[in-house]
Amino acid sequence: MRIDISFLPVLAATYLLVFARIGTMMMLLPGLGEIAIPMRLRLTVALILAAVLFPLHRAAYQIDIRSLAALVTMLVQEIMIGAVLGIAARLAISALQLTGAIVAQQLGLGFVTSVDPTLGQQGVIIGNFLAMLGVVLIFATDTHYLVIAALNDSYTIFAPGEMPPMGDVAALASRTVAGAFRIGVQLSAPFLVFGILFNVGLGVLSRLMPQMQVFFVGVPLSILLGFLILIVVLGAMMLGFLDYLQSVLREIAPRA
C-alpha cells in the first residue's frame, strides 16, 4: 500500500499563514497580549486558536509552495493584517491611560509613577490601576469572546492573499485614536470639573486669608476629595470604557 503525503507541505504552509495572522494579533491584544503573561502561555493560546480556525479558512488560501516569493509575500500580508487588528484593540485600551493621566494631574498625583504591568514602562499610578482594571473586566464580562470573533471575521474583511487597503486601515486607525482621546477625556470629565472648582476655591481662599499656607492644605484635601469622587464614579467610568471597547471590537468583527 502506498500512502500519498504530498499534501503535507501545503497543509503546513497554510497553517503557518493562519498562525502568522493570529499570533501577531495575539501579541498586541489587550488582556491576552500583556507582557505579564508568560510567553509560552501566549504562544500556546495562539497555536490553539490557529488550530481551531484553520479548518474553517483553509480553502481561502491558494498556495503554490514552488514559488517562495509568493509565499513570503503572503506571509507578510498576514502579519500586517494581524498587526492592524491587534493595534486597533490596543489603541482602544490606551484610553484608560489617558484618563488616568488626567485624573492624576487634577488630584496632584501626576508625579507618582509606577511600572505599568500591561506595557512594561513607567506610567502614572492611577492610569496603571485603571488599565489593570480594564483588563480584568475584559475577561470578567466575556468581552474576550469578541476578540475570537474578530479573528474569525478578519477573513471576511481581509481575504488571504490580498493586501489590506491602506485607505481603510488609515481610516480605522484615525477613528480609533480619535475615539480613545474622546472617551479618555469624557471619562475624566468629573475630575476636570472638580479640578477647576477646587483650584478656583483655593484661589479665593488665598485672597481671603493671605497668611494661610494654601498649598499645605490644598494638596491633601485635593487627594482626599479626588479619591472619594473616584470611588463614586469608578463603576460608571469602567462601564463607559467597556461600551467603547466593545464598539471598537464590533467594528473589526461586524458579524459578532
C-alpha atoms as a PDB file:
ATOM      1  CA  MET A   1       0.000   0.000   0.000  1.00  0.00           C
ATOM      2  CA  ARG A   2       1.297   3.432  -0.975  1.00  0.00           C
ATOM      3  CA  ILE A   3       0.458   6.466   1.169  1.00  0.00           C
ATOM      4  CA  ASP A   4       0.416   9.844  -0.522  1.00  0.00           C
ATOM      5  CA  ILE A   5       1.745  12.593   1.776  1.00  0.00           C
ATOM      6  CA  SER A   6       2.316  15.207  -0.896  1.00  0.00           C
ATOM      7  CA  PHE A   7      -0.400  17.394   0.662  1.00  0.00           C
ATOM      8  CA  LEU A   8       1.521  17.859   3.919  1.00  0.00           C
ATOM      9  CA  PRO A   9       3.815  20.732   2.801  1.00  0.00           C
ATOM     10  CA  VAL A  10       0.812  22.721   1.552  1.00  0.00           C
ATOM     11  CA  LEU A  11      -1.060  21.975   4.769  1.00  0.00           C
ATOM     12  CA  ALA A  12       1.891  23.086   6.885  1.00  0.00           C
ATOM     13  CA  ALA A  13       2.358  26.282   4.882  1.00  0.00           C
ATOM     14  CA  THR A  14      -1.352  27.112   5.219  1.00  0.00           C
ATOM     15  CA  TYR A  15      -1.252  26.583   8.993  1.00  0.00           C
ATOM     16  CA  LEU A  16       1.834  28.801   9.180  1.00  0.00           C
ATOM     17  CA  LEU A  17      -0.025  31.606   7.410  1.00  0.00           C
ATOM     18  CA  VAL A  18      -3.047  31.240   9.714  1.00  0.00           C
ATOM     19  CA  PHE A  19      -0.755  31.299  12.725  1.00  0.00           C
ATOM     20  CA  ALA A  20       1.058  34.389  11.413  1.00  0.00           C
ATOM     21  CA  ARG A  21      -2.187  36.381  11.402  1.00  0.00           C
ATOM     22  CA  ILE A  22      -3.474  35.071  14.727  1.00  0.00           C
ATOM     23  CA  GLY A  23      -0.115  35.131  16.511  1.00  0.00           C
ATOM     24  CA  THR A  24       0.570  38.733  15.505  1.00  0.00           C
ATOM     25  CA  MET A  25      -2.852  39.845  16.710  1.00  0.00           C
ATOM     26  CA  MET A  26      -2.474  37.882  19.961  1.00  0.00           C
ATOM     27  CA  MET A  27       0.859  39.567  20.628  1.00  0.00           C
ATOM     28  CA  LEU A  28      -0.777  43.018  20.548  1.00  0.00           C
ATOM     29  CA  LEU A  29      -4.195  42.375  22.059  1.00  0.00           C
ATOM     30  CA  PRO A  30      -5.125  43.813  25.468  1.00  0.00           C
ATOM     31  CA  GLY A  31      -5.537  41.126  28.083  1.00  0.00           C
ATOM     32  CA  LEU A  32      -4.035  38.195  26.194  1.00  0.00           C
ATOM     33  CA  GLY A  33      -1.017  40.054  24.837  1.00  0.00           C
ATOM     34  CA  GLU A  34       0.233  41.612  28.061  1.00  0.00           C
ATOM     35  CA  ILE A  35       3.899  41.410  28.979  1.00  0.00           C
ATOM     36  CA  ALA A  36       2.965  39.970  32.377  1.00  0.00           C
ATOM     37  CA  ILE A  37       1.519  36.850  30.708  1.00  0.00           C
ATOM     38  CA  PRO A  38       4.216  34.182  30.138  1.00  0.00           C
ATOM     39  CA  MET A  39       5.369  33.929  26.546  1.00  0.00           C
ATOM     40  CA  ARG A  40       4.762  30.162  26.442  1.00  0.00           C
ATOM     41  CA  LEU A  41       1.148  30.665  27.506  1.00  0.00           C
ATOM     42  CA  ARG A  42       0.584  33.286  24.802  1.00  0.00           C
ATOM     43  CA  LEU A  43       2.195  31.016  22.228  1.00  0.00           C
ATOM     44  CA  THR A  44       0.042  28.080  23.333  1.00  0.00           C
ATOM     45  CA  VAL A  45      -3.174  30.111  23.073  1.00  0.00           C
ATOM     46  CA  ALA A  46      -2.180  31.366  19.620  1.00  0.00           C
ATOM     47  CA  LEU A  47      -1.393  27.836  18.414  1.00  0.00           C
ATOM     48  CA  ILE A  48      -4.712  26.509  19.733  1.00  0.00           C
ATOM     49  CA  LEU A  49      -6.713  29.332  18.133  1.00  0.00           C
ATOM     50  CA  ALA A  50      -4.858  28.800  14.858  1.00  0.00           C
ATOM     51  CA  ALA A  51      -5.726  25.089  15.006  1.00  0.00           C
ATOM     52  CA  VAL A  52      -9.405  25.927  15.654  1.00  0.00           C
ATOM     53  CA  LEU A  53      -9.689  28.458  12.812  1.00  0.00           C
ATOM     54  CA  PHE A  54      -7.511  26.521  10.369  1.00  0.00           C
ATOM     55  CA  PRO A  55     -10.232  24.102   9.118  1.00  0.00           C
ATOM     56  CA  LEU A  56     -12.684  26.995   8.696  1.00  0.00           C
ATOM     57  CA  HIS A  57     -10.490  29.100   6.426  1.00  0.00           C
ATOM     58  CA  ARG A  58      -8.102  26.610   4.872  1.00  0.00           C
ATOM     59  CA  ALA A  59      -9.839  26.815   1.486  1.00  0.00           C
ATOM     60  CA  ALA A  60      -9.315  30.595   1.370  1.00  0.00           C
ATOM     61  CA  TYR A  61      -5.564  30.146   0.916  1.00  0.00           C
ATOM     62  CA  GLN A  62      -4.337  29.457  -2.598  1.00  0.00           C
ATOM     63  CA  ILE A  63      -0.718  28.407  -2.075  1.00  0.00           C
ATOM     64  CA  ASP A  64       1.951  27.404  -4.541  1.00  0.00           C
ATOM     65  CA  ILE A  65       4.855  26.096  -2.456  1.00  0.00           C
ATOM     66  CA  ARG A  66       7.095  26.102  -5.520  1.00  0.00           C
ATOM     67  CA  SER A  67       7.021  29.921  -5.501  1.00  0.00           C
ATOM     68  CA  LEU A  68       8.926  31.101  -2.442  1.00  0.00           C
ATOM     69  CA  ALA A  69       8.448  34.786  -3.261  1.00  0.00           C
ATOM     70  CA  ALA A  70       4.648  34.461  -3.373  1.00  0.00           C
ATOM     71  CA  LEU A  71       4.666  32.541  -0.100  1.00  0.00           C
ATOM     72  CA  VAL A  72       6.800  35.157   1.641  1.00  0.00           C
ATOM     73  CA  THR A  73       4.601  37.955   0.266  1.00  0.00           C
ATOM     74  CA  MET A  74       1.503  36.248   1.618  1.00  0.00           C
ATOM     75  CA  LEU A  75       3.213  35.771   4.988  1.00  0.00           C
ATOM     76  CA  VAL A  76       3.998  39.489   5.193  1.00  0.00           C
ATOM     77  CA  GLN A  77       0.391  40.306   4.284  1.00  0.00           C
ATOM     78  CA  GLU A  78      -0.928  38.030   7.050  1.00  0.00           C
ATOM     79  CA  ILE A  79       1.392  39.640   9.603  1.00  0.00           C
ATOM     80  CA  MET A  80       0.243  43.103   8.512  1.00  0.00           C
ATOM     81  CA  ILE A  81      -3.429  42.122   8.882  1.00  0.00           C
ATOM     82  CA  GLY A  82      -2.825  40.720  12.365  1.00  0.00           C
ATOM     83  CA  ALA A  83      -0.916  43.865  13.345  1.00  0.00           C
ATOM     84  CA  VAL A  84      -3.716  46.141  12.115  1.00  0.00           C
ATOM     85  CA  LEU A  85      -6.358  44.280  14.140  1.00  0.00           C
ATOM     86  CA  GLY A  86      -4.190  43.997  17.252  1.00  0.00           C
ATOM     87  CA  ILE A  87      -3.099  47.642  17.242  1.00  0.00           C
ATOM     88  CA  ALA A  88      -6.719  48.776  16.843  1.00  0.00           C
ATOM     89  CA  ALA A  89      -7.697  46.915  20.012  1.00  0.00           C
ATOM     90  CA  ARG A  90      -4.538  48.078  21.837  1.00  0.00           C
ATOM     91  CA  LEU A  91      -5.241  51.721  20.982  1.00  0.00           C
ATOM     92  CA  ALA A  92      -8.718  51.357  22.472  1.00  0.00           C
ATOM     93  CA  ILE A  93      -7.422  50.393  25.916  1.00  0.00           C
ATOM     94  CA  SER A  94      -4.945  53.274  25.841  1.00  0.00           C
ATOM     95  CA  ALA A  95      -7.950  55.491  26.627  1.00  0.00           C
ATOM     96  CA  LEU A  96      -7.654  54.343  30.245  1.00  0.00           C
ATOM     97  CA  GLN A  97      -4.046  55.536  30.422  1.00  0.00           C
ATOM     98  CA  LEU A  98      -5.144  58.956  29.158  1.00  0.00           C
ATOM     99  CA  THR A  99      -7.962  59.025  31.702  1.00  0.00           C
ATOM    100  CA  GLY A 100      -5.557  58.089  34.481  1.00  0.00           C
ATOM    101  CA  ALA A 101      -3.092  60.805  33.465  1.00  0.00           C
ATOM    102  CA  ILE A 102      -5.802  63.492  33.529  1.00  0.00           C
ATOM    103  CA  VAL A 103      -7.208  62.268  36.849  1.00  0.00           C
ATOM    104  CA  ALA A 104      -3.750  62.139  38.438  1.00  0.00           C
ATOM    105  CA  GLN A 105      -2.985  65.651  37.222  1.00  0.00           C
ATOM    106  CA  GLN A 106      -6.189  67.033  38.724  1.00  0.00           C
ATOM    107  CA  LEU A 107      -5.603  65.251  42.039  1.00  0.00           C
ATOM    108  CA  GLY A 108      -1.995  66.378  42.320  1.00  0.00           C
ATOM    109  CA  LEU A 109      -0.616  62.874  41.800  1.00  0.00           C
ATOM    110  CA  GLY A 110       0.907  63.405  38.370  1.00  0.00           C
ATOM    111  CA  PHE A 111       4.402  62.860  39.760  1.00  0.00           C
ATOM    112  CA  VAL A 112       3.529  59.475  41.343  1.00  0.00           C
ATOM    113  CA  THR A 113       4.526  56.803  38.827  1.00  0.00           C
ATOM    114  CA  SER A 114       4.969  53.054  38.804  1.00  0.00           C
ATOM    115  CA  VAL A 115       5.677  50.351  36.250  1.00  0.00           C
ATOM    116  CA  ASP A 116       2.637  49.571  34.135  1.00  0.00           C
ATOM    117  CA  PRO A 117       2.397  45.740  34.022  1.00  0.00           C
ATOM    118  CA  THR A 118       0.419  45.881  30.765  1.00  0.00           C
ATOM    119  CA  LEU A 119       3.091  47.843  28.872  1.00  0.00           C
ATOM    120  CA  GLY A 120       6.224  47.291  30.949  1.00  0.00           C
ATOM    121  CA  GLN A 121       7.037  51.000  31.238  1.00  0.00           C
ATOM    122  CA  GLN A 122       6.560  53.862  33.669  1.00  0.00           C
ATOM    123  CA  GLY A 123       3.110  55.389  33.977  1.00  0.00           C
ATOM    124  CA  VAL A 124       1.030  57.336  36.462  1.00  0.00           C
ATOM    125  CA  ILE A 125      -0.239  55.074  39.207  1.00  0.00           C
ATOM    126  CA  ILE A 126      -3.919  55.851  38.635  1.00  0.00           C
ATOM    127  CA  GLY A 127      -3.572  55.131  34.920  1.00  0.00           C
ATOM    128  CA  ASN A 128      -1.912  51.804  35.708  1.00  0.00           C
ATOM    129  CA  PHE A 129      -4.737  50.930  38.092  1.00  0.00           C
ATOM    130  CA  LEU A 130      -7.406  51.760  35.513  1.00  0.00           C
ATOM    131  CA  ALA A 131      -5.572  49.793  32.797  1.00  0.00           C
ATOM    132  CA  MET A 132      -5.298  46.712  35.025  1.00  0.00           C
ATOM    133  CA  LEU A 133      -8.960  47.044  35.997  1.00  0.00           C
ATOM    134  CA  GLY A 134      -9.897  47.309  32.328  1.00  0.00           C
ATOM    135  CA  VAL A 135      -8.031  44.087  31.508  1.00  0.00           C
ATOM    136  CA  VAL A 136      -9.757  42.292  34.394  1.00  0.00           C
ATOM    137  CA  LEU A 137     -13.177  43.474  33.204  1.00  0.00           C
ATOM    138  CA  ILE A 138     -12.445  42.286  29.661  1.00  0.00           C
ATOM    139  CA  PHE A 139     -12.322  38.706  30.940  1.00  0.00           C
ATOM    140  CA  ALA A 140     -14.978  39.149  33.648  1.00  0.00           C
ATOM    141  CA  THR A 141     -17.551  40.352  31.088  1.00  0.00           C
ATOM    142  CA  ASP A 142     -16.568  37.793  28.397  1.00  0.00           C
ATOM    143  CA  THR A 143     -15.504  40.609  26.078  1.00  0.00           C
ATOM    144  CA  HIS A 144     -12.553  38.472  25.019  1.00  0.00           C
ATOM    145  CA  TYR A 145     -15.006  36.364  23.008  1.00  0.00           C
ATOM    146  CA  LEU A 146     -15.351  39.347  20.692  1.00  0.00           C
ATOM    147  CA  VAL A 147     -11.615  39.058  20.088  1.00  0.00           C
ATOM    148  CA  ILE A 148     -12.035  35.487  18.848  1.00  0.00           C
ATOM    149  CA  ALA A 149     -14.955  36.637  16.705  1.00  0.00           C
ATOM    150  CA  ALA A 150     -12.747  39.397  15.283  1.00  0.00           C
ATOM    151  CA  LEU A 151     -10.107  36.815  14.353  1.00  0.00           C
ATOM    152  CA  ASN A 152     -12.730  34.775  12.529  1.00  0.00           C
ATOM    153  CA  ASP A 153     -14.345  37.771  10.806  1.00  0.00           C
ATOM    154  CA  SER A 154     -10.957  39.098   9.712  1.00  0.00           C
ATOM    155  CA  TYR A 155     -11.002  36.525   6.906  1.00  0.00           C
ATOM    156  CA  THR A 156     -14.158  38.159   5.574  1.00  0.00           C
ATOM    157  CA  ILE A 157     -12.815  41.699   5.866  1.00  0.00           C
ATOM    158  CA  PHE A 158      -9.239  40.925   4.748  1.00  0.00           C
ATOM    159  CA  ALA A 159      -9.151  37.957   2.391  1.00  0.00           C
ATOM    160  CA  PRO A 160      -5.895  35.937   2.336  1.00  0.00           C
ATOM    161  CA  GLY A 161      -3.548  36.897  -0.455  1.00  0.00           C
ATOM    162  CA  GLU A 162      -4.885  40.451  -0.717  1.00  0.00           C
ATOM    163  CA  MET A 163      -3.037  43.498   0.541  1.00  0.00           C
ATOM    164  CA  PRO A 164      -5.071  45.381   3.179  1.00  0.00           C
ATOM    165  CA  PRO A 165      -6.498  48.591   1.686  1.00  0.00           C
ATOM    166  CA  MET A 166      -4.283  51.294   3.154  1.00  0.00           C
ATOM    167  CA  GLY A 167      -7.056  53.883   2.966  1.00  0.00           C
ATOM    168  CA  ASP A 168      -9.388  51.773   5.127  1.00  0.00           C
ATOM    169  CA  VAL A 169      -6.558  50.908   7.522  1.00  0.00           C
ATOM    170  CA  ALA A 170      -5.654  54.580   7.940  1.00  0.00           C
ATOM    171  CA  ALA A 171      -9.326  55.465   8.492  1.00  0.00           C
ATOM    172  CA  LEU A 172      -9.653  52.731  11.136  1.00  0.00           C
ATOM    173  CA  ALA A 173      -6.512  53.930  12.908  1.00  0.00           C
ATOM    174  CA  SER A 174      -7.603  57.571  12.897  1.00  0.00           C
ATOM    175  CA  ARG A 175     -11.088  56.694  14.181  1.00  0.00           C
ATOM    176  CA  THR A 176      -9.649  54.533  16.942  1.00  0.00           C
ATOM    177  CA  VAL A 177      -7.120  57.148  18.069  1.00  0.00           C
ATOM    178  CA  ALA A 178      -9.737  59.910  17.983  1.00  0.00           C
ATOM    179  CA  GLY A 179     -12.179  57.707  19.881  1.00  0.00           C
ATOM    180  CA  ALA A 180      -9.553  56.854  22.506  1.00  0.00           C
ATOM    181  CA  PHE A 181      -8.850  60.543  23.143  1.00  0.00           C
ATOM    182  CA  ARG A 182     -12.557  61.347  23.198  1.00  0.00           C
ATOM    183  CA  ILE A 183     -13.501  58.603  25.644  1.00  0.00           C
ATOM    184  CA  GLY A 184     -10.436  59.342  27.783  1.00  0.00           C
ATOM    185  CA  VAL A 185     -11.487  62.971  28.234  1.00  0.00           C
ATOM    186  CA  GLN A 186     -15.133  62.025  28.737  1.00  0.00           C
ATOM    187  CA  LEU A 187     -14.286  59.522  31.484  1.00  0.00           C
ATOM    188  CA  SER A 188     -12.174  62.105  33.286  1.00  0.00           C
ATOM    189  CA  ALA A 189     -14.776  64.895  32.951  1.00  0.00           C
ATOM    190  CA  PRO A 190     -15.871  64.781  36.633  1.00  0.00           C
ATOM    191  CA  PHE A 191     -12.260  65.297  37.711  1.00  0.00           C
ATOM    192  CA  LEU A 192     -11.752  68.159  35.262  1.00  0.00           C
ATOM    193  CA  VAL A 193     -14.765  69.923  36.777  1.00  0.00           C
ATOM    194  CA  PHE A 194     -13.530  69.125  40.272  1.00  0.00           C
ATOM    195  CA  GLY A 195     -10.050  70.437  39.479  1.00  0.00           C
ATOM    196  CA  ILE A 196     -11.369  73.736  38.121  1.00  0.00           C
ATOM    197  CA  LEU A 197     -13.744  74.343  41.034  1.00  0.00           C
ATOM    198  CA  PHE A 198     -11.216  73.274  43.649  1.00  0.00           C
ATOM    199  CA  ASN A 199      -8.430  75.480  42.292  1.00  0.00           C
ATOM    200  CA  VAL A 200     -10.782  78.452  41.989  1.00  0.00           C
ATOM    201  CA  GLY A 201     -11.822  77.873  45.589  1.00  0.00           C
ATOM    202  CA  LEU A 202      -8.195  77.758  46.714  1.00  0.00           C
ATOM    203  CA  GLY A 203      -7.511  80.987  44.848  1.00  0.00           C
ATOM    204  CA  VAL A 204     -10.406  82.732  46.585  1.00  0.00           C
ATOM    205  CA  LEU A 205      -9.285  81.324  49.938  1.00  0.00           C
ATOM    206  CA  SER A 206      -5.741  82.576  49.446  1.00  0.00           C
ATOM    207  CA  ARG A 207      -7.126  86.069  48.772  1.00  0.00           C
ATOM    208  CA  LEU A 208      -9.338  85.997  51.830  1.00  0.00           C
ATOM    209  CA  MET A 209      -6.644  84.538  54.116  1.00  0.00           C
ATOM    210  CA  PRO A 210      -3.210  85.566  52.776  1.00  0.00           C
ATOM    211  CA  GLN A 211      -1.437  84.275  55.874  1.00  0.00           C
ATOM    212  CA  MET A 212      -2.756  80.737  55.351  1.00  0.00           C
ATOM    213  CA  GLN A 213      -0.464  78.165  53.683  1.00  0.00           C
ATOM    214  CA  VAL A 214      -2.932  77.151  50.984  1.00  0.00           C
ATOM    215  CA  PHE A 215      -0.601  74.620  49.356  1.00  0.00           C
ATOM    216  CA  PHE A 216      -0.197  72.507  52.505  1.00  0.00           C
ATOM    217  CA  VAL A 217      -3.953  72.442  52.998  1.00  0.00           C
ATOM    218  CA  GLY A 218      -4.978  72.112  49.360  1.00  0.00           C
ATOM    219  CA  VAL A 219      -2.864  69.131  48.264  1.00  0.00           C
ATOM    220  CA  PRO A 220      -4.031  66.632  50.938  1.00  0.00           C
ATOM    221  CA  LEU A 221      -7.615  67.855  50.600  1.00  0.00           C
ATOM    222  CA  SER A 222      -7.463  67.557  46.804  1.00  0.00           C
ATOM    223  CA  ILE A 223      -6.205  63.972  47.049  1.00  0.00           C
ATOM    224  CA  LEU A 224      -8.842  63.026  49.643  1.00  0.00           C
ATOM    225  CA  LEU A 225     -11.774  64.537  47.747  1.00  0.00           C
ATOM    226  CA  GLY A 226     -10.461  63.192  44.443  1.00  0.00           C
ATOM    227  CA  PHE A 227     -10.336  59.623  45.728  1.00  0.00           C
ATOM    228  CA  LEU A 228     -13.855  59.965  47.130  1.00  0.00           C
ATOM    229  CA  ILE A 229     -15.069  61.092  43.702  1.00  0.00           C
ATOM    230  CA  LEU A 230     -13.153  58.197  42.086  1.00  0.00           C
ATOM    231  CA  ILE A 231     -14.888  55.700  44.371  1.00  0.00           C
ATOM    232  CA  VAL A 232     -18.282  57.125  43.426  1.00  0.00           C
ATOM    233  CA  VAL A 233     -17.813  57.314  39.638  1.00  0.00           C
ATOM    234  CA  LEU A 234     -15.469  54.345  39.053  1.00  0.00           C
ATOM    235  CA  GLY A 235     -18.274  51.953  38.120  1.00  0.00           C
ATOM    236  CA  ALA A 236     -19.756  54.349  35.567  1.00  0.00           C
ATOM    237  CA  MET A 237     -16.287  55.080  34.146  1.00  0.00           C
ATOM    238  CA  MET A 238     -15.480  51.420  33.533  1.00  0.00           C
ATOM    239  CA  LEU A 239     -18.947  50.769  32.108  1.00  0.00           C
ATOM    240  CA  GLY A 240     -18.408  53.579  29.605  1.00  0.00           C
ATOM    241  CA  PHE A 241     -14.993  52.173  28.704  1.00  0.00           C
ATOM    242  CA  LEU A 242     -16.381  48.666  28.142  1.00  0.00           C
ATOM    243  CA  ASP A 243     -19.079  50.051  25.840  1.00  0.00           C
ATOM    244  CA  TYR A 244     -16.399  51.876  23.838  1.00  0.00           C
ATOM    245  CA  LEU A 245     -14.114  48.810  23.675  1.00  0.00           C
ATOM    246  CA  GLN A 246     -16.957  46.601  22.529  1.00  0.00           C
ATOM    247  CA  SER A 247     -17.836  49.113  19.805  1.00  0.00           C
ATOM    248  CA  VAL A 248     -14.232  49.008  18.561  1.00  0.00           C
ATOM    249  CA  LEU A 249     -14.161  45.199  18.590  1.00  0.00           C
ATOM    250  CA  ARG A 250     -17.511  45.022  16.783  1.00  0.00           C
ATOM    251  CA  GLU A 251     -16.114  47.329  14.116  1.00  0.00           C
ATOM    252  CA  ILE A 252     -13.439  44.752  13.344  1.00  0.00           C
ATOM    253  CA  ALA A 253     -15.869  41.873  13.984  1.00  0.00           C
ATOM    254  CA  PRO A 254     -19.086  43.108  12.310  1.00  0.00           C
ATOM    255  CA  ARG A 255     -20.852  39.741  12.482  1.00  0.00           C
ATOM    256  CA  ALA A 256     -20.349  39.310  16.252  1.00  0.00           C
END
